[in-house]
Amino acid sequence: MSANSQKAFKRKLDGVVVSVKNEKTVVVNVARRFKHATYSKFITATKKYHAHDESGLAKMGDAVTIIESKPYSKLKKWELLKVNN
């Protein structure tokens, strides 16, 4: 199997980098919108994910895509796929 076919089934998330303070790690804020079951109001919920950034490409405020990966540490289970410009 090639590298592309292995990562094809893994989850991808789009978000914004909110922290680059750790070495080889970026914290990505991912927002999702859904409709409230009772009130039918649209709600934006956010969650932060720690992602592995081996080469240090991402900077604060960059829009990025992260992909599921093997666990690198207790919190880091995602890796940086690309920086969206």
N, C-alpha and C. Protein backbone atom coordinates (compact mmCIF):
# COMPACT_ATOMS: atom_id res chain seq x y z
N MET A 1 0.84 -1.19 0.00
CA MET A 1 0.00 0.00 0.00
C MET A 1 0.88 1.24 0.00
N SER A 2 0.48 2.20 -0.75
CA SER A 2 1.22 3.46 -0.77
C SER A 2 0.77 4.35 0.39
N ALA A 3 1.50 5.40 0.64
CA ALA A 3 1.19 6.30 1.75
C ALA A 3 -0.15 6.99 1.56
N ASN A 4 -0.51 7.31 0.30
CA ASN A 4 -1.78 7.98 0.04
C ASN A 4 -2.97 7.09 0.30
N SER A 5 -2.89 5.82 -0.05
CA SER A 5 -4.02 4.93 0.14
C SER A 5 -4.21 4.57 1.61
N GLN A 6 -3.16 4.60 2.40
CA GLN A 6 -3.28 4.31 3.82
C GLN A 6 -4.02 5.43 4.54
N LYS A 7 -3.80 6.69 4.16
CA LYS A 7 -4.39 7.81 4.85
C LYS A 7 -5.77 8.20 4.28
N ALA A 8 -6.22 7.50 3.24
CA ALA A 8 -7.46 7.86 2.58
C ALA A 8 -8.68 7.66 3.49
N PHE A 9 -8.66 6.69 4.38
CA PHE A 9 -9.82 6.40 5.21
C PHE A 9 -9.79 7.12 6.55
N LYS A 10 -8.74 7.83 6.85
CA LYS A 10 -8.63 8.50 8.14
C LYS A 10 -9.42 9.81 8.15
N ARG A 11 -9.89 10.19 9.33
CA ARG A 11 -10.68 11.42 9.46
C ARG A 11 -9.81 12.65 9.22
N LYS A 12 -10.39 13.64 8.55
CA LYS A 12 -9.72 14.92 8.32
C LYS A 12 -10.56 16.01 8.95
N LEU A 13 -9.89 16.96 9.57
CA LEU A 13 -10.57 18.10 10.17
C LEU A 13 -9.88 19.39 9.72
N ASP A 14 -10.67 20.42 9.53
CA ASP A 14 -10.15 21.74 9.18
C ASP A 14 -10.31 22.66 10.38
N GLY A 15 -9.27 23.43 10.67
CA GLY A 15 -9.34 24.33 11.81
C GLY A 15 -8.31 25.44 11.71
N VAL A 16 -8.17 26.16 12.82
CA VAL A 16 -7.26 27.30 12.89
C VAL A 16 -6.26 27.05 14.01
N VAL A 17 -4.99 27.33 13.74
CA VAL A 17 -3.93 27.15 14.74
C VAL A 17 -4.06 28.23 15.81
N VAL A 18 -4.15 27.81 17.08
CA VAL A 18 -4.27 28.76 18.19
C VAL A 18 -3.04 28.78 19.08
N SER A 19 -2.13 27.80 18.94
CA SER A 19 -0.92 27.79 19.75
C SER A 19 0.18 27.02 19.03
N VAL A 20 1.40 27.57 19.09
CA VAL A 20 2.59 26.91 18.53
C VAL A 20 3.72 26.92 19.56
N LYS A 21 3.37 26.93 20.84
CA LYS A 21 4.37 27.08 21.90
C LYS A 21 5.19 25.82 22.14
N ASN A 22 4.65 24.64 21.85
CA ASN A 22 5.37 23.40 22.08
C ASN A 22 6.17 23.01 20.84
N GLU A 23 7.25 22.27 21.06
CA GLU A 23 8.07 21.80 19.95
C GLU A 23 7.33 20.72 19.19
N LYS A 24 7.29 20.82 17.86
CA LYS A 24 6.68 19.84 16.96
C LYS A 24 5.20 19.60 17.25
N THR A 25 4.55 20.56 17.91
CA THR A 25 3.13 20.42 18.23
C THR A 25 2.41 21.72 17.95
N VAL A 26 1.24 21.62 17.34
CA VAL A 26 0.36 22.77 17.18
C VAL A 26 -0.98 22.43 17.79
N VAL A 27 -1.64 23.43 18.35
CA VAL A 27 -2.99 23.25 18.88
C VAL A 27 -3.95 23.88 17.88
N VAL A 28 -4.90 23.06 17.42
CA VAL A 28 -5.82 23.47 16.36
C VAL A 28 -7.23 23.54 16.93
N ASN A 29 -7.88 24.68 16.72
CA ASN A 29 -9.26 24.88 17.16
C ASN A 29 -10.19 24.53 16.00
N VAL A 30 -11.04 23.51 16.19
CA VAL A 30 -11.95 23.05 15.14
C VAL A 30 -13.38 23.40 15.56
N ALA A 31 -14.10 24.10 14.68
CA ALA A 31 -15.48 24.50 14.96
C ALA A 31 -16.43 23.65 14.14
N ARG A 32 -17.54 23.27 14.75
CA ARG A 32 -18.58 22.55 14.02
C ARG A 32 -19.92 23.19 14.34
N ARG A 33 -20.80 23.22 13.33
CA ARG A 33 -22.13 23.82 13.50
C ARG A 33 -23.17 22.72 13.44
N PHE A 34 -24.13 22.81 14.37
CA PHE A 34 -25.22 21.84 14.36
C PHE A 34 -26.49 22.51 14.87
N LYS A 35 -27.60 21.90 14.58
CA LYS A 35 -28.89 22.45 14.96
C LYS A 35 -29.31 21.86 16.30
N HIS A 36 -29.71 22.71 17.23
CA HIS A 36 -30.17 22.26 18.53
C HIS A 36 -31.46 21.46 18.38
N ALA A 37 -31.54 20.33 19.06
CA ALA A 37 -32.68 19.42 18.88
C ALA A 37 -34.00 20.04 19.31
N THR A 38 -34.01 20.79 20.41
CA THR A 38 -35.26 21.34 20.93
C THR A 38 -35.57 22.70 20.35
N TYR A 39 -34.57 23.58 20.32
CA TYR A 39 -34.82 24.98 19.97
C TYR A 39 -34.60 25.29 18.49
N SER A 40 -34.12 24.35 17.72
CA SER A 40 -33.86 24.52 16.29
C SER A 40 -32.97 25.72 15.97
N LYS A 41 -32.10 26.04 16.91
CA LYS A 41 -31.16 27.13 16.74
C LYS A 41 -29.80 26.54 16.37
N PHE A 42 -29.09 27.20 15.45
CA PHE A 42 -27.77 26.70 15.07
C PHE A 42 -26.74 27.10 16.11
N ILE A 43 -25.94 26.13 16.52
CA ILE A 43 -24.94 26.31 17.57
C ILE A 43 -23.57 26.01 16.98
N THR A 44 -22.58 26.81 17.35
CA THR A 44 -21.20 26.55 16.96
C THR A 44 -20.45 26.03 18.18
N ALA A 45 -19.99 24.79 18.10
CA ALA A 45 -19.21 24.19 19.18
C ALA A 45 -17.77 24.07 18.70
N THR A 46 -16.81 24.36 19.58
CA THR A 46 -15.41 24.27 19.21
C THR A 46 -14.70 23.26 20.10
N LYS A 47 -13.64 22.68 19.55
CA LYS A 47 -12.81 21.74 20.30
C LYS A 47 -11.37 21.92 19.86
N LYS A 48 -10.45 21.78 20.79
CA LYS A 48 -9.03 21.92 20.48
C LYS A 48 -8.39 20.55 20.34
N TYR A 49 -7.58 20.41 19.31
CA TYR A 49 -6.85 19.18 19.06
C TYR A 49 -5.35 19.49 19.02
N HIS A 50 -4.56 18.63 19.64
CA HIS A 50 -3.10 18.73 19.57
C HIS A 50 -2.65 17.89 18.38
N ALA A 51 -1.89 18.50 17.48
CA ALA A 51 -1.45 17.82 16.26
C ALA A 51 0.07 17.88 16.14
N HIS A 52 0.64 16.83 15.56
CA HIS A 52 2.08 16.73 15.37
C HIS A 52 2.48 17.50 14.12
N ASP A 53 3.45 18.41 14.28
CA ASP A 53 3.95 19.22 13.17
C ASP A 53 5.47 19.05 13.14
N GLU A 54 5.93 18.04 12.43
CA GLU A 54 7.35 17.68 12.43
C GLU A 54 8.25 18.81 11.96
N SER A 55 7.87 19.49 10.88
CA SER A 55 8.75 20.49 10.28
C SER A 55 8.46 21.91 10.74
N GLY A 56 7.46 22.13 11.55
CA GLY A 56 7.16 23.46 12.07
C GLY A 56 6.61 24.42 11.02
N LEU A 57 5.79 23.92 10.11
CA LEU A 57 5.25 24.76 9.03
C LEU A 57 4.16 25.72 9.50
N ALA A 58 3.33 25.29 10.42
CA ALA A 58 2.15 26.08 10.82
C ALA A 58 2.53 27.22 11.76
N LYS A 59 1.88 28.35 11.55
CA LYS A 59 2.06 29.53 12.41
C LYS A 59 0.71 29.90 13.02
N MET A 60 0.74 30.78 14.01
CA MET A 60 -0.49 31.22 14.67
C MET A 60 -1.47 31.80 13.66
N GLY A 61 -2.73 31.39 13.73
CA GLY A 61 -3.76 31.94 12.87
C GLY A 61 -3.89 31.28 11.52
N ASP A 62 -3.01 30.33 11.18
CA ASP A 62 -3.09 29.64 9.90
C ASP A 62 -4.29 28.69 9.87
N ALA A 63 -4.95 28.60 8.74
CA ALA A 63 -5.98 27.59 8.52
C ALA A 63 -5.26 26.31 8.10
N VAL A 64 -5.53 25.20 8.79
CA VAL A 64 -4.83 23.95 8.54
C VAL A 64 -5.81 22.79 8.41
N THR A 65 -5.30 21.70 7.85
CA THR A 65 -6.03 20.43 7.81
C THR A 65 -5.21 19.43 8.59
N ILE A 66 -5.88 18.74 9.52
CA ILE A 66 -5.21 17.71 10.31
C ILE A 66 -5.86 16.36 10.00
N ILE A 67 -5.09 15.29 10.24
CA ILE A 67 -5.55 13.95 9.92
C ILE A 67 -5.26 13.04 11.11
N GLU A 68 -6.10 12.04 11.29
CA GLU A 68 -5.90 11.07 12.36
C GLU A 68 -4.58 10.34 12.18
N SER A 69 -3.93 9.99 13.29
CA SER A 69 -2.66 9.27 13.19
C SER A 69 -2.47 8.41 14.42
N LYS A 70 -1.33 7.78 14.47
CA LYS A 70 -0.99 7.00 15.65
C LYS A 70 -0.79 7.95 16.83
N PRO A 71 -0.98 7.49 18.06
CA PRO A 71 -0.75 8.37 19.21
C PRO A 71 0.73 8.71 19.36
N TYR A 72 1.02 10.01 19.38
CA TYR A 72 2.38 10.48 19.62
C TYR A 72 2.62 10.69 21.11
N SER A 73 1.57 11.03 21.84
CA SER A 73 1.66 11.24 23.28
C SER A 73 0.26 11.12 23.86
N LYS A 74 0.10 11.52 25.10
CA LYS A 74 -1.20 11.41 25.78
C LYS A 74 -2.28 12.20 25.05
N LEU A 75 -1.97 13.41 24.61
CA LEU A 75 -2.95 14.27 23.96
C LEU A 75 -2.84 14.31 22.44
N LYS A 76 -1.68 13.97 21.91
CA LYS A 76 -1.40 14.18 20.48
C LYS A 76 -1.70 12.92 19.68
N LYS A 77 -2.88 12.91 19.01
CA LYS A 77 -3.29 11.77 18.20
C LYS A 77 -3.65 12.19 16.78
N TRP A 78 -3.23 13.38 16.38
CA TRP A 78 -3.48 13.93 15.05
C TRP A 78 -2.15 14.44 14.50
N GLU A 79 -2.06 14.56 13.18
CA GLU A 79 -0.87 15.16 12.58
C GLU A 79 -1.28 16.15 11.50
N LEU A 80 -0.41 17.11 11.29
CA LEU A 80 -0.66 18.17 10.32
C LEU A 80 -0.55 17.59 8.91
N LEU A 81 -1.61 17.76 8.12
CA LEU A 81 -1.60 17.29 6.74
C LEU A 81 -1.14 18.39 5.80
N LYS A 82 -1.75 19.58 5.93
CA LYS A 82 -1.33 20.70 5.08
C LYS A 82 -1.78 22.02 5.71
N VAL A 83 -1.10 23.07 5.29
CA VAL A 83 -1.47 24.43 5.69
C VAL A 83 -2.25 25.03 4.53
N ASN A 84 -3.49 25.42 4.78
CA ASN A 84 -4.35 25.97 3.73
C ASN A 84 -4.12 27.48 3.64
N ASN A 85 -3.87 27.95 2.44
CA ASN A 85 -3.66 29.39 2.23
C ASN A 85 -4.76 29.98 1.39
